[in-house]
Amino acid sequence: MPKMKSHSGAKKRFSFTGTGKVKYRHAKMRHILTKKSQKMKRNGRKTCILNASDTPKIKALLPHG
């Protein structure tokens, strides 16, 4: 049986916490930031925890996570 490969796109976008939850960065923070409110930009700097119902999908893409 060959080794399972990690999904390259998911590898760049998601990481795991110590307890096994999935972390990701906010969307819409790359460009056109002038028209966005300070609150939206400030909250966009933080990392998020993925919803529990979506976590198994990402764990399937990253088997070594």
Protein backbone atom coordinates (compact mmCIF):
# COMPACT_ATOMS: atom_id res chain seq x y z
CA MET A 1 0.00 0.00 0.00
CA PRO A 2 1.56 3.35 -0.96
CA LYS A 3 1.80 6.26 1.42
CA MET A 4 -1.12 8.67 1.60
CA LYS A 5 -0.29 12.10 0.20
CA SER A 6 -1.36 15.34 1.82
CA HIS A 7 -3.48 17.69 -0.27
CA SER A 8 -1.10 20.50 -1.30
CA GLY A 9 -3.76 23.22 -1.30
CA ALA A 10 -5.07 22.25 2.12
CA LYS A 11 -1.52 22.02 3.47
CA LYS A 12 -1.00 25.72 2.71
CA ARG A 13 -4.34 26.88 4.12
CA PHE A 14 -5.01 24.86 7.27
CA SER A 15 -3.10 23.85 10.39
CA PHE A 16 -3.98 22.02 13.57
CA THR A 17 -4.11 23.12 17.18
CA GLY A 18 -2.74 20.97 19.97
CA THR A 19 -6.18 19.54 20.68
CA GLY A 20 -6.81 18.59 17.04
CA LYS A 21 -9.01 21.49 15.96
CA VAL A 22 -8.40 23.03 12.54
CA LYS A 23 -7.13 26.62 12.24
CA TYR A 24 -7.44 28.83 9.16
CA ARG A 25 -7.06 32.48 8.18
CA HIS A 26 -9.88 34.90 7.38
CA ALA A 27 -10.86 35.45 3.77
CA LYS A 28 -11.18 38.88 2.07
CA MET A 29 -7.98 40.30 3.60
CA ARG A 30 -5.72 40.40 0.53
CA HIS A 31 -6.65 43.56 -1.37
CA ILE A 32 -9.26 46.34 -1.64
CA LEU A 33 -8.80 47.06 2.06
CA THR A 34 -9.54 50.80 1.84
CA LYS A 35 -13.30 50.39 1.76
CA LYS A 36 -13.39 47.83 4.57
CA SER A 37 -14.01 49.01 8.12
CA GLN A 38 -11.29 49.02 10.74
CA LYS A 39 -13.27 46.46 12.74
CA MET A 40 -13.39 44.05 9.80
CA LYS A 41 -9.65 44.45 9.13
CA ARG A 42 -8.78 44.06 12.81
CA ASN A 43 -10.86 40.90 13.17
CA GLY A 44 -9.42 39.58 9.91
CA ARG A 45 -5.93 39.43 11.39
CA LYS A 46 -6.96 36.72 13.84
CA THR A 47 -7.00 33.04 13.00
CA CYS A 48 -10.27 31.12 13.14
CA ILE A 49 -11.26 27.67 14.28
CA LEU A 50 -13.04 25.63 11.63
CA ASN A 51 -16.59 24.51 12.30
CA ALA A 52 -16.77 21.02 13.84
CA SER A 53 -18.93 19.71 10.99
CA ASP A 54 -16.25 20.66 8.40
CA THR A 55 -13.29 19.34 10.38
CA PRO A 56 -13.49 15.69 9.15
CA LYS A 57 -13.25 16.88 5.53
CA ILE A 58 -9.98 18.71 6.19
CA LYS A 59 -8.59 15.86 8.27
CA ALA A 60 -9.19 13.55 5.32
CA LEU A 61 -7.16 15.87 3.09
CA LEU A 62 -4.34 16.08 5.67
CA PRO A 63 -3.91 12.52 6.98
CA HIS A 64 -0.67 13.30 8.84
CA GLY A 65 -2.11 16.32 10.71
